[in-house]
C-alpha cells in the first residue's frame, strides 16, 4: 500500500511499481 495525502502520491506510486506490481494507493480522504 502507498498511503499518501498529497500530490507526491503520483510520482511515488510509479516508483514503487518497479519493486511490486501488487499495489494500492490510499489518499485517506484527500
ModelCIF file with pLDDT and N, C-alpha, C, O atoms, coordinates in Angstrom:
data_MODEL
#
_entry.id   MODEL 
#
_entity.id                         1 
_entity.type                       polymer 
_entity.pdbx_number_of_molecules   1 
#
_entity_poly.entity_id                      1 
_entity_poly.type                           'polypeptide(L)' 
_entity_poly.nstd_linkage                   no 
_entity_poly.nstd_monomer                   no 
_entity_poly.pdbx_seq_one_letter_code       
;(UNK)(UNK)(UNK)(UNK)(UNK)(UNK)(UNK)(UNK)(UNK)(UNK)(UNK)(UNK)(UNK)(UNK)(UNK)(UNK)
(UNK)(UNK)(UNK)(UNK)(UNK)(UNK)(UNK)(UNK)(UNK)(UNK)(UNK)(UNK)(UNK)(UNK)
;
_entity_poly.pdbx_seq_one_letter_code_can   XXXXXXXXXXXXXXXXXXXXXXXXXXXXXX 
_entity_poly.pdbx_strand_id                 A 
#
loop_
_entity_poly_seq.entity_id 
_entity_poly_seq.num 
_entity_poly_seq.mon_id 
_entity_poly_seq.hetero 
1 1  UNK n 
1 2  UNK n 
1 3  UNK n 
1 4  UNK n 
1 5  UNK n 
1 6  UNK n 
1 7  UNK n 
1 8  UNK n 
1 9  UNK n 
1 10 UNK n 
1 11 UNK n 
1 12 UNK n 
1 13 UNK n 
1 14 UNK n 
1 15 UNK n 
1 16 UNK n 
1 17 UNK n 
1 18 UNK n 
1 19 UNK n 
1 20 UNK n 
1 21 UNK n 
1 22 UNK n 
1 23 UNK n 
1 24 UNK n 
1 25 UNK n 
1 26 UNK n 
1 27 UNK n 
1 28 UNK n 
1 29 UNK n 
1 30 UNK n 
#
_struct_asym.id          A 
_struct_asym.entity_id   1 
#
loop_
_ma_qa_metric.id 
_ma_qa_metric.mode 
_ma_qa_metric.name 
_ma_qa_metric.software_group_id 
_ma_qa_metric.type 
1 global pLDDT . pLDDT 
2 local  pLDDT . pLDDT 
#
_ma_qa_metric_global.metric_id      1 
_ma_qa_metric_global.metric_value   96.63 
_ma_qa_metric_global.model_id       1 
_ma_qa_metric_global.ordinal_id     1 
#
loop_
_ma_qa_metric_local.label_asym_id 
_ma_qa_metric_local.label_comp_id 
_ma_qa_metric_local.label_seq_id 
_ma_qa_metric_local.metric_id 
_ma_qa_metric_local.metric_value 
_ma_qa_metric_local.model_id 
_ma_qa_metric_local.ordinal_id 
A UNK 1  2 98.00 1 1  
A UNK 2  2 98.00 1 2  
A UNK 3  2 98.00 1 3  
A UNK 4  2 97.00 1 4  
A UNK 5  2 95.00 1 5  
A UNK 6  2 92.00 1 6  
A UNK 7  2 90.00 1 7  
A UNK 8  2 92.00 1 8  
A UNK 9  2 95.00 1 9  
A UNK 10 2 97.00 1 10 
A UNK 11 2 96.00 1 11 
A UNK 12 2 97.00 1 12 
A UNK 13 2 98.00 1 13 
A UNK 14 2 98.00 1 14 
A UNK 15 2 97.00 1 15 
A UNK 16 2 98.00 1 16 
A UNK 17 2 98.00 1 17 
A UNK 18 2 97.00 1 18 
A UNK 19 2 98.00 1 19 
A UNK 20 2 98.00 1 20 
A UNK 21 2 97.00 1 21 
A UNK 22 2 98.00 1 22 
A UNK 23 2 98.00 1 23 
A UNK 24 2 98.00 1 24 
A UNK 25 2 98.00 1 25 
A UNK 26 2 98.00 1 26 
A UNK 27 2 97.00 1 27 
A UNK 28 2 97.00 1 28 
A UNK 29 2 96.00 1 29 
A UNK 30 2 95.00 1 30 
#
loop_
_atom_site.group_PDB 
_atom_site.id 
_atom_site.type_symbol 
_atom_site.label_atom_id 
_atom_site.label_alt_id 
_atom_site.label_comp_id 
_atom_site.label_asym_id 
_atom_site.label_entity_id 
_atom_site.label_seq_id 
_atom_site.pdbx_PDB_ins_code 
_atom_site.Cartn_x 
_atom_site.Cartn_y 
_atom_site.Cartn_z 
_atom_site.occupancy 
_atom_site.B_iso_or_equiv 
_atom_site.pdbx_formal_charge 
_atom_site.auth_seq_id 
_atom_site.auth_comp_id 
_atom_site.auth_asym_id 
_atom_site.auth_atom_id 
_atom_site.pdbx_PDB_model_num 
ATOM 1   N N  . UNK A 1 1  ? 0.848   -1.179 0.000   1.00 98.00 ? 1  UNK A N  1 
ATOM 2   C CA . UNK A 1 1  ? 0.000   0.000  0.000   1.00 98.00 ? 1  UNK A CA 1 
ATOM 3   C C  . UNK A 1 1  ? 0.891   1.238  0.000   1.00 98.00 ? 1  UNK A C  1 
ATOM 4   O O  . UNK A 1 1  ? 1.948   1.258  0.631   1.00 98.00 ? 1  UNK A O  1 
ATOM 5   N N  . UNK A 1 2  ? 0.456   2.248  -0.703  1.00 98.00 ? 2  UNK A N  1 
ATOM 6   C CA . UNK A 1 2  ? 1.057   3.577  -0.592  1.00 98.00 ? 2  UNK A CA 1 
ATOM 7   C C  . UNK A 1 2  ? 0.025   4.480  0.074   1.00 98.00 ? 2  UNK A C  1 
ATOM 8   O O  . UNK A 1 2  ? -1.051  4.709  -0.478  1.00 98.00 ? 2  UNK A O  1 
ATOM 9   N N  . UNK A 1 3  ? 0.346   4.987  1.248   1.00 98.00 ? 3  UNK A N  1 
ATOM 10  C CA . UNK A 1 3  ? -0.526  5.934  1.937   1.00 98.00 ? 3  UNK A CA 1 
ATOM 11  C C  . UNK A 1 3  ? 0.050   7.322  1.719   1.00 98.00 ? 3  UNK A C  1 
ATOM 12  O O  . UNK A 1 3  ? 1.155   7.626  2.169   1.00 98.00 ? 3  UNK A O  1 
ATOM 13  N N  . UNK A 1 4  ? -0.701  8.154  1.029   1.00 97.00 ? 4  UNK A N  1 
ATOM 14  C CA . UNK A 1 4  ? -0.208  9.488  0.713   1.00 97.00 ? 4  UNK A CA 1 
ATOM 15  C C  . UNK A 1 4  ? -1.367  10.474 0.668   1.00 97.00 ? 4  UNK A C  1 
ATOM 16  O O  . UNK A 1 4  ? -2.369  10.239 -0.007  1.00 97.00 ? 4  UNK A O  1 
ATOM 17  N N  . UNK A 1 5  ? -1.222  11.575 1.388   1.00 95.00 ? 5  UNK A N  1 
ATOM 18  C CA . UNK A 1 5  ? -2.272  12.590 1.445   1.00 95.00 ? 5  UNK A CA 1 
ATOM 19  C C  . UNK A 1 5  ? -1.974  13.787 0.550   1.00 95.00 ? 5  UNK A C  1 
ATOM 20  O O  . UNK A 1 5  ? -2.713  14.772 0.568   1.00 95.00 ? 5  UNK A O  1 
ATOM 21  N N  . UNK A 1 6  ? -0.900  13.711 -0.230  1.00 92.00 ? 6  UNK A N  1 
ATOM 22  C CA . UNK A 1 6  ? -0.546  14.859 -1.064  1.00 92.00 ? 6  UNK A CA 1 
ATOM 23  C C  . UNK A 1 6  ? -0.273  14.423 -2.503  1.00 92.00 ? 6  UNK A C  1 
ATOM 24  O O  . UNK A 1 6  ? -0.341  13.240 -2.836  1.00 92.00 ? 6  UNK A O  1 
ATOM 25  N N  . UNK A 1 7  ? 0.034   15.400 -3.337  1.00 90.00 ? 7  UNK A N  1 
ATOM 26  C CA . UNK A 1 7  ? 0.210   15.145 -4.766  1.00 90.00 ? 7  UNK A CA 1 
ATOM 27  C C  . UNK A 1 7  ? 1.437   14.302 -5.076  1.00 90.00 ? 7  UNK A C  1 
ATOM 28  O O  . UNK A 1 7  ? 1.587   13.818 -6.198  1.00 90.00 ? 7  UNK A O  1 
ATOM 29  N N  . UNK A 1 8  ? 2.307   14.122 -4.105  1.00 92.00 ? 8  UNK A N  1 
ATOM 30  C CA . UNK A 1 8  ? 3.501   13.303 -4.313  1.00 92.00 ? 8  UNK A CA 1 
ATOM 31  C C  . UNK A 1 8  ? 3.141   11.838 -4.546  1.00 92.00 ? 8  UNK A C  1 
ATOM 32  O O  . UNK A 1 8  ? 3.985   11.048 -4.970  1.00 92.00 ? 8  UNK A O  1 
ATOM 33  N N  . UNK A 1 9  ? 1.887   11.477 -4.268  1.00 95.00 ? 9  UNK A N  1 
ATOM 34  C CA . UNK A 1 9  ? 1.444   10.092 -4.427  1.00 95.00 ? 9  UNK A CA 1 
ATOM 35  C C  . UNK A 1 9  ? 1.663   9.583  -5.845  1.00 95.00 ? 9  UNK A C  1 
ATOM 36  O O  . UNK A 1 9  ? 2.037   8.426  -6.039  1.00 95.00 ? 9  UNK A O  1 
ATOM 37  N N  . UNK A 1 10 ? 1.435   10.435 -6.834  1.00 97.00 ? 10 UNK A N  1 
ATOM 38  C CA . UNK A 1 10 ? 1.537   10.005 -8.231  1.00 97.00 ? 10 UNK A CA 1 
ATOM 39  C C  . UNK A 1 10 ? 2.958   9.555  -8.556  1.00 97.00 ? 10 UNK A C  1 
ATOM 40  O O  . UNK A 1 10 ? 3.163   8.468  -9.096  1.00 97.00 ? 10 UNK A O  1 
ATOM 41  N N  . UNK A 1 11 ? 3.924   10.385 -8.228  1.00 96.00 ? 11 UNK A N  1 
ATOM 42  C CA . UNK A 1 11 ? 5.324   10.044 -8.504  1.00 96.00 ? 11 UNK A CA 1 
ATOM 43  C C  . UNK A 1 11 ? 5.757   8.833  -7.683  1.00 96.00 ? 11 UNK A C  1 
ATOM 44  O O  . UNK A 1 11 ? 6.403   7.923  -8.202  1.00 96.00 ? 11 UNK A O  1 
ATOM 45  N N  . UNK A 1 12 ? 5.400   8.826  -6.403  1.00 97.00 ? 12 UNK A N  1 
ATOM 46  C CA . UNK A 1 12 ? 5.827   7.749  -5.517  1.00 97.00 ? 12 UNK A CA 1 
ATOM 47  C C  . UNK A 1 12 ? 5.273   6.400  -5.965  1.00 97.00 ? 12 UNK A C  1 
ATOM 48  O O  . UNK A 1 12 ? 5.988   5.398  -5.960  1.00 97.00 ? 12 UNK A O  1 
ATOM 49  N N  . UNK A 1 13 ? 4.007   6.376  -6.348  1.00 98.00 ? 13 UNK A N  1 
ATOM 50  C CA . UNK A 1 13 ? 3.398   5.121  -6.783  1.00 98.00 ? 13 UNK A CA 1 
ATOM 51  C C  . UNK A 1 13 ? 4.107   4.560  -8.013  1.00 98.00 ? 13 UNK A C  1 
ATOM 52  O O  . UNK A 1 13 ? 4.341   3.354  -8.101  1.00 98.00 ? 13 UNK A O  1 
ATOM 53  N N  . UNK A 1 14 ? 4.445   5.421  -8.951  1.00 98.00 ? 14 UNK A N  1 
ATOM 54  C CA . UNK A 1 14 ? 5.149   4.969  -10.146 1.00 98.00 ? 14 UNK A CA 1 
ATOM 55  C C  . UNK A 1 14 ? 6.515   4.387  -9.790  1.00 98.00 ? 14 UNK A C  1 
ATOM 56  O O  . UNK A 1 14 ? 6.966   3.427  -10.415 1.00 98.00 ? 14 UNK A O  1 
ATOM 57  N N  . UNK A 1 15 ? 7.173   4.968  -8.786  1.00 97.00 ? 15 UNK A N  1 
ATOM 58  C CA . UNK A 1 15 ? 8.467   4.456  -8.349  1.00 97.00 ? 15 UNK A CA 1 
ATOM 59  C C  . UNK A 1 15 ? 8.311   3.089  -7.687  1.00 97.00 ? 15 UNK A C  1 
ATOM 60  O O  . UNK A 1 15 ? 9.078   2.171  -7.977  1.00 97.00 ? 15 UNK A O  1 
ATOM 61  N N  . UNK A 1 16 ? 7.329   2.946  -6.804  1.00 98.00 ? 16 UNK A N  1 
ATOM 62  C CA . UNK A 1 16 ? 7.135   1.695  -6.065  1.00 98.00 ? 16 UNK A CA 1 
ATOM 63  C C  . UNK A 1 16 ? 6.811   0.545  -7.012  1.00 98.00 ? 16 UNK A C  1 
ATOM 64  O O  . UNK A 1 16 ? 7.171   -0.601 -6.741  1.00 98.00 ? 16 UNK A O  1 
ATOM 65  N N  . UNK A 1 17 ? 6.139   0.840  -8.113  1.00 98.00 ? 17 UNK A N  1 
ATOM 66  C CA . UNK A 1 17 ? 5.725   -0.175 -9.086  1.00 98.00 ? 17 UNK A CA 1 
ATOM 67  C C  . UNK A 1 17 ? 6.915   -0.981 -9.613  1.00 98.00 ? 17 UNK A C  1 
ATOM 68  O O  . UNK A 1 17 ? 6.751   -2.126 -10.035 1.00 98.00 ? 17 UNK A O  1 
ATOM 69  N N  . UNK A 1 18 ? 8.099   -0.393 -9.590  1.00 97.00 ? 18 UNK A N  1 
ATOM 70  C CA . UNK A 1 18 ? 9.305   -1.109 -10.029 1.00 97.00 ? 18 UNK A CA 1 
ATOM 71  C C  . UNK A 1 18 ? 9.604   -2.300 -9.120  1.00 97.00 ? 18 UNK A C  1 
ATOM 72  O O  . UNK A 1 18 ? 10.171  -3.297 -9.568  1.00 97.00 ? 18 UNK A O  1 
ATOM 73  N N  . UNK A 1 19 ? 9.228   -2.201 -7.852  1.00 98.00 ? 19 UNK A N  1 
ATOM 74  C CA . UNK A 1 19 ? 9.516   -3.265 -6.892  1.00 98.00 ? 19 UNK A CA 1 
ATOM 75  C C  . UNK A 1 19 ? 8.336   -4.223 -6.711  1.00 98.00 ? 19 UNK A C  1 
ATOM 76  O O  . UNK A 1 19 ? 8.540   -5.406 -6.436  1.00 98.00 ? 19 UNK A O  1 
ATOM 77  N N  . UNK A 1 20 ? 7.108   -3.728 -6.862  1.00 98.00 ? 20 UNK A N  1 
ATOM 78  C CA . UNK A 1 20 ? 5.940   -4.592 -6.709  1.00 98.00 ? 20 UNK A CA 1 
ATOM 79  C C  . UNK A 1 20 ? 4.791   -4.092 -7.571  1.00 98.00 ? 20 UNK A C  1 
ATOM 80  O O  . UNK A 1 20 ? 4.438   -2.913 -7.541  1.00 98.00 ? 20 UNK A O  1 
ATOM 81  N N  . UNK A 1 21 ? 4.213   -5.010 -8.341  1.00 97.00 ? 21 UNK A N  1 
ATOM 82  C CA . UNK A 1 21 ? 3.076   -4.682 -9.188  1.00 97.00 ? 21 UNK A CA 1 
ATOM 83  C C  . UNK A 1 21 ? 1.757   -4.801 -8.423  1.00 97.00 ? 21 UNK A C  1 
ATOM 84  O O  . UNK A 1 21 ? 0.715   -4.358 -8.907  1.00 97.00 ? 21 UNK A O  1 
ATOM 85  N N  . UNK A 1 22 ? 1.802   -5.399 -7.225  1.00 98.00 ? 22 UNK A N  1 
ATOM 86  C CA . UNK A 1 22 ? 0.616   -5.562 -6.378  1.00 98.00 ? 22 UNK A CA 1 
ATOM 87  C C  . UNK A 1 22 ? 0.542   -4.347 -5.453  1.00 98.00 ? 22 UNK A C  1 
ATOM 88  O O  . UNK A 1 22 ? 1.077   -4.362 -4.344  1.00 98.00 ? 22 UNK A O  1 
ATOM 89  N N  . UNK A 1 23 ? -0.128  -3.297 -5.927  1.00 98.00 ? 23 UNK A N  1 
ATOM 90  C CA . UNK A 1 23 ? -0.066  -2.007 -5.241  1.00 98.00 ? 23 UNK A CA 1 
ATOM 91  C C  . UNK A 1 23 ? -1.429  -1.317 -5.218  1.00 98.00 ? 23 UNK A C  1 
ATOM 92  O O  . UNK A 1 23 ? -2.172  -1.341 -6.199  1.00 98.00 ? 23 UNK A O  1 
ATOM 93  N N  . UNK A 1 24 ? -1.731  -0.716 -4.099  1.00 98.00 ? 24 UNK A N  1 
ATOM 94  C CA . UNK A 1 24 ? -2.917  0.125  -3.971  1.00 98.00 ? 24 UNK A CA 1 
ATOM 95  C C  . UNK A 1 24 ? -2.497  1.469  -3.394  1.00 98.00 ? 24 UNK A C  1 
ATOM 96  O O  . UNK A 1 24 ? -1.599  1.537  -2.556  1.00 98.00 ? 24 UNK A O  1 
ATOM 97  N N  . UNK A 1 25 ? -3.154  2.543  -3.847  1.00 98.00 ? 25 UNK A N  1 
ATOM 98  C CA . UNK A 1 25 ? -2.870  3.893  -3.334  1.00 98.00 ? 25 UNK A CA 1 
ATOM 99  C C  . UNK A 1 25 ? -4.039  4.326  -2.460  1.00 98.00 ? 25 UNK A C  1 
ATOM 100 O O  . UNK A 1 25 ? -5.191  4.273  -2.891  1.00 98.00 ? 25 UNK A O  1 
ATOM 101 N N  . UNK A 1 26 ? -3.752  4.751  -1.245  1.00 98.00 ? 26 UNK A N  1 
ATOM 102 C CA . UNK A 1 26 ? -4.772  5.262  -0.328  1.00 98.00 ? 26 UNK A CA 1 
ATOM 103 C C  . UNK A 1 26 ? -4.472  6.724  -0.023  1.00 98.00 ? 26 UNK A C  1 
ATOM 104 O O  . UNK A 1 26 ? -3.398  7.048  0.484   1.00 98.00 ? 26 UNK A O  1 
ATOM 105 N N  . UNK A 1 27 ? -5.415  7.600  -0.331  1.00 97.00 ? 27 UNK A N  1 
ATOM 106 C CA . UNK A 1 27 ? -5.193  9.031  -0.121  1.00 97.00 ? 27 UNK A CA 1 
ATOM 107 C C  . UNK A 1 27 ? -5.817  9.537  1.180   1.00 97.00 ? 27 UNK A C  1 
ATOM 108 O O  . UNK A 1 27 ? -5.700  10.719 1.502   1.00 97.00 ? 27 UNK A O  1 
ATOM 109 N N  . UNK A 1 28 ? -6.476  8.656  1.926   1.00 97.00 ? 28 UNK A N  1 
ATOM 110 C CA . UNK A 1 28 ? -7.026  8.989  3.248   1.00 97.00 ? 28 UNK A CA 1 
ATOM 111 C C  . UNK A 1 28 ? -7.964  10.197 3.216   1.00 97.00 ? 28 UNK A C  1 
ATOM 112 O O  . UNK A 1 28 ? -7.827  11.135 4.001   1.00 97.00 ? 28 UNK A O  1 
ATOM 113 N N  . UNK A 1 29 ? -8.915  10.146 2.289   1.00 96.00 ? 29 UNK A N  1 
ATOM 114 C CA . UNK A 1 29 ? -9.932  11.189 2.239   1.00 96.00 ? 29 UNK A CA 1 
ATOM 115 C C  . UNK A 1 29 ? -9.563  12.406 1.416   1.00 96.00 ? 29 UNK A C  1 
ATOM 116 O O  . UNK A 1 29 ? -10.346 13.352 1.338   1.00 96.00 ? 29 UNK A O  1 
ATOM 117 N N  . UNK A 1 30 ? -8.395  12.407 0.803   1.00 95.00 ? 30 UNK A N  1 
ATOM 118 C CA . UNK A 1 30 ? -7.930  13.550 0.008   1.00 95.00 ? 30 UNK A CA 1 
ATOM 119 C C  . UNK A 1 30 ? -8.013  13.238 -1.482  1.00 95.00 ? 30 UNK A C  1 
ATOM 120 O O  . UNK A 1 30 ? -7.665  14.080 -2.310  1.00 95.00 ? 30 UNK A O  1 
#
